[in-house]
Amino acid sequence: MKESAELFKLLAVDKRIDIIELLKKEAMSVNAIAEKLGITQSAVSQHLRVLKSADLVKDERQGYWIYYSLNKEALEECRKRLNRICTCGCSGGQTAPKKPGDCSSKG
């Protein structure tokens, strides 16, 4: 797993978050991801390469196709890191009173 700053930097790209959201539902091929996101297969491949280098995504060959899925253990470690950084009380589904500068919970 990458250092926290590097990890958050690579997750700062919206399309990578979109790919993670898709892979939360099921393993997918590059073609399927590209179709769902409306971007090129080449762009998807580049994003997957970055996510795989961070150990957030794994791949499995099935015949001609390679299916990508989340490395749920690594993603859980990311969540734990974020929870250590965030101290506003928004973690774990609990809602704390909002003050200026607090995180906003998005559901």
C-alpha atoms as a PDB file:
ATOM      1  CA  MET A   1       0.000   0.000   0.000  1.00  0.00           C
ATOM      2  CA  LYS A   2       1.237   3.458  -0.847  1.00  0.00           C
ATOM      3  CA  GLU A   3       1.875   6.230   1.653  1.00  0.00           C
ATOM      4  CA  SER A   4      -1.211   8.228   2.613  1.00  0.00           C
ATOM      5  CA  ALA A   5      -0.363  11.366   0.610  1.00  0.00           C
ATOM      6  CA  GLU A   6       0.330   9.327  -2.550  1.00  0.00           C
ATOM      7  CA  LEU A   7      -2.795   7.271  -2.009  1.00  0.00           C
ATOM      8  CA  PHE A   8      -5.049  10.287  -1.653  1.00  0.00           C
ATOM      9  CA  LYS A   9      -3.405  11.918  -4.664  1.00  0.00           C
ATOM     10  CA  LEU A  10      -4.244   8.959  -6.900  1.00  0.00           C
ATOM     11  CA  LEU A  11      -7.790   8.846  -5.518  1.00  0.00           C
ATOM     12  CA  ALA A  12      -8.246  12.557  -6.296  1.00  0.00           C
ATOM     13  CA  VAL A  13      -9.115  11.662  -9.915  1.00  0.00           C
ATOM     14  CA  ASP A  14     -12.897  11.411 -10.345  1.00  0.00           C
ATOM     15  CA  LYS A  15     -12.770   8.637 -12.965  1.00  0.00           C
ATOM     16  CA  ARG A  16     -10.758   6.430 -10.585  1.00  0.00           C
ATOM     17  CA  ILE A  17     -13.428   6.885  -7.942  1.00  0.00           C
ATOM     18  CA  ASP A  18     -16.055   6.053 -10.593  1.00  0.00           C
ATOM     19  CA  ILE A  19     -14.160   2.864 -11.448  1.00  0.00           C
ATOM     20  CA  ILE A  20     -13.999   1.887  -7.775  1.00  0.00           C
ATOM     21  CA  GLU A  21     -17.747   2.497  -7.463  1.00  0.00           C
ATOM     22  CA  LEU A  22     -18.420   0.200 -10.451  1.00  0.00           C
ATOM     23  CA  LEU A  23     -16.113  -2.514  -9.136  1.00  0.00           C
ATOM     24  CA  LYS A  24     -17.876  -2.457  -5.754  1.00  0.00           C
ATOM     25  CA  LYS A  25     -20.823  -4.083  -7.538  1.00  0.00           C
ATOM     26  CA  GLU A  26     -19.013  -6.703  -9.643  1.00  0.00           C
ATOM     27  CA  ALA A  27     -15.786  -7.626 -11.420  1.00  0.00           C
ATOM     28  CA  MET A  28     -15.643  -6.040 -14.855  1.00  0.00           C
ATOM     29  CA  SER A  29     -13.557  -6.000 -18.022  1.00  0.00           C
ATOM     30  CA  VAL A  30     -11.928  -2.868 -19.425  1.00  0.00           C
ATOM     31  CA  ASN A  31     -14.526  -2.831 -22.221  1.00  0.00           C
ATOM     32  CA  ALA A  32     -17.437  -2.937 -19.780  1.00  0.00           C
ATOM     33  CA  ILE A  33     -15.969  -0.195 -17.594  1.00  0.00           C
ATOM     34  CA  ALA A  34     -15.279   2.006 -20.635  1.00  0.00           C
ATOM     35  CA  GLU A  35     -18.847   1.566 -21.858  1.00  0.00           C
ATOM     36  CA  LYS A  36     -20.367   2.393 -18.460  1.00  0.00           C
ATOM     37  CA  LEU A  37     -18.205   5.492 -17.979  1.00  0.00           C
ATOM     38  CA  GLY A  38     -18.293   6.691 -21.573  1.00  0.00           C
ATOM     39  CA  ILE A  39     -14.508   6.915 -21.866  1.00  0.00           C
ATOM     40  CA  THR A  40     -11.972   5.105 -24.018  1.00  0.00           C
ATOM     41  CA  GLN A  41     -10.620   1.665 -23.206  1.00  0.00           C
ATOM     42  CA  SER A  42      -7.149   3.204 -23.204  1.00  0.00           C
ATOM     43  CA  ALA A  43      -8.158   5.714 -20.514  1.00  0.00           C
ATOM     44  CA  VAL A  44      -9.701   2.946 -18.405  1.00  0.00           C
ATOM     45  CA  SER A  45      -6.551   0.848 -18.771  1.00  0.00           C
ATOM     46  CA  GLN A  46      -4.394   3.739 -17.567  1.00  0.00           C
ATOM     47  CA  HIS A  47      -6.612   4.336 -14.522  1.00  0.00           C
ATOM     48  CA  LEU A  48      -6.646   0.615 -13.726  1.00  0.00           C
ATOM     49  CA  ARG A  49      -2.853   0.495 -14.006  1.00  0.00           C
ATOM     50  CA  VAL A  50      -2.588   3.239 -11.364  1.00  0.00           C
ATOM     51  CA  LEU A  51      -5.185   1.606  -9.097  1.00  0.00           C
ATOM     52  CA  LYS A  52      -3.481  -1.768  -9.478  1.00  0.00           C
ATOM     53  CA  SER A  53      -0.050  -0.291  -8.654  1.00  0.00           C
ATOM     54  CA  ALA A  54      -1.607   1.012  -5.414  1.00  0.00           C
ATOM     55  CA  ASP A  55      -2.931  -2.517  -4.758  1.00  0.00           C
ATOM     56  CA  LEU A  56      -6.528  -1.262  -4.728  1.00  0.00           C
ATOM     57  CA  VAL A  57      -7.546  -3.344  -7.752  1.00  0.00           C
ATOM     58  CA  LYS A  58      -6.675  -6.887  -8.744  1.00  0.00           C
ATOM     59  CA  ASP A  59      -7.144  -8.730 -12.000  1.00  0.00           C
ATOM     60  CA  GLU A  60      -8.004 -12.246 -13.090  1.00  0.00           C
ATOM     61  CA  ARG A  61      -7.701 -13.658 -16.579  1.00  0.00           C
ATOM     62  CA  GLN A  62     -10.659 -15.682 -17.863  1.00  0.00           C
ATOM     63  CA  GLY A  63      -9.941 -16.853 -21.398  1.00  0.00           C
ATOM     64  CA  TYR A  64      -9.318 -13.803 -23.588  1.00  0.00           C
ATOM     65  CA  TRP A  65     -10.712 -11.409 -20.990  1.00  0.00           C
ATOM     66  CA  ILE A  66      -9.195  -9.880 -17.897  1.00  0.00           C
ATOM     67  CA  TYR A  67     -11.675  -9.012 -15.170  1.00  0.00           C
ATOM     68  CA  TYR A  68     -10.848  -6.384 -12.584  1.00  0.00           C
ATOM     69  CA  SER A  69     -12.153  -6.383  -9.040  1.00  0.00           C
ATOM     70  CA  LEU A  70     -11.518  -4.449  -5.856  1.00  0.00           C
ATOM     71  CA  ASN A  71      -8.931  -5.505  -3.352  1.00  0.00           C
ATOM     72  CA  LYS A  72     -11.362  -5.040  -0.481  1.00  0.00           C
ATOM     73  CA  GLU A  73      -8.686  -5.474   2.188  1.00  0.00           C
ATOM     74  CA  ALA A  74      -6.615  -2.619   0.717  1.00  0.00           C
ATOM     75  CA  LEU A  75      -9.708  -0.435   0.338  1.00  0.00           C
ATOM     76  CA  GLU A  76     -10.540  -1.091   3.992  1.00  0.00           C
ATOM     77  CA  GLU A  77      -7.040   0.073   4.928  1.00  0.00           C
ATOM     78  CA  CYS A  78      -7.713   3.290   2.990  1.00  0.00           C
ATOM     79  CA  ARG A  79     -10.908   3.793   4.951  1.00  0.00           C
ATOM     80  CA  LYS A  80      -9.045   3.285   8.232  1.00  0.00           C
ATOM     81  CA  ARG A  81      -6.407   5.833   7.218  1.00  0.00           C
ATOM     82  CA  LEU A  82      -9.065   8.374   6.356  1.00  0.00           C
ATOM     83  CA  ASN A  83     -10.833   7.765   9.672  1.00  0.00           C
ATOM     84  CA  ARG A  84      -7.565   8.449  11.532  1.00  0.00           C
ATOM     85  CA  ILE A  85      -7.204  11.761   9.668  1.00  0.00           C
ATOM     86  CA  CYS A  86     -10.821  12.885   9.967  1.00  0.00           C
ATOM     87  CA  THR A  87     -11.712  13.891  13.509  1.00  0.00           C
ATOM     88  CA  CYS A  88     -14.993  15.693  12.897  1.00  0.00           C
ATOM     89  CA  GLY A  89     -17.157  12.811  14.081  1.00  0.00           C
ATOM     90  CA  CYS A  90     -18.549  11.895  10.660  1.00  0.00           C
ATOM     91  CA  SER A  91     -16.999   8.390  10.532  1.00  0.00           C
ATOM     92  CA  GLY A  92     -18.895   5.203  11.194  1.00  0.00           C
ATOM     93  CA  GLY A  93     -22.260   6.554  10.121  1.00  0.00           C
ATOM     94  CA  GLN A  94     -22.575   8.744  13.223  1.00  0.00           C
ATOM     95  CA  THR A  95     -23.642  12.313  12.717  1.00  0.00           C
ATOM     96  CA  ALA A  96     -22.053  14.982  14.869  1.00  0.00           C
ATOM     97  CA  PRO A  97     -23.316  18.536  15.178  1.00  0.00           C
ATOM     98  CA  LYS A  98     -21.976  20.560  12.268  1.00  0.00           C
ATOM     99  CA  LYS A  99     -19.610  23.438  12.937  1.00  0.00           C
ATOM    100  CA  PRO A 100     -17.849  25.678  10.454  1.00  0.00           C
ATOM    101  CA  GLY A 101     -14.937  23.714   8.956  1.00  0.00           C
ATOM    102  CA  ASP A 102     -16.356  20.273   9.781  1.00  0.00           C
ATOM    103  CA  CYS A 103     -16.537  17.551   7.139  1.00  0.00           C
ATOM    104  CA  SER A 104     -19.896  17.074   5.522  1.00  0.00           C
ATOM    105  CA  SER A 105     -21.222  13.523   5.454  1.00  0.00           C
ATOM    106  CA  LYS A 106     -22.276  12.402   2.014  1.00  0.00           C
ATOM    107  CA  GLY A 107     -24.470   9.369   1.834  1.00  0.00           C
END
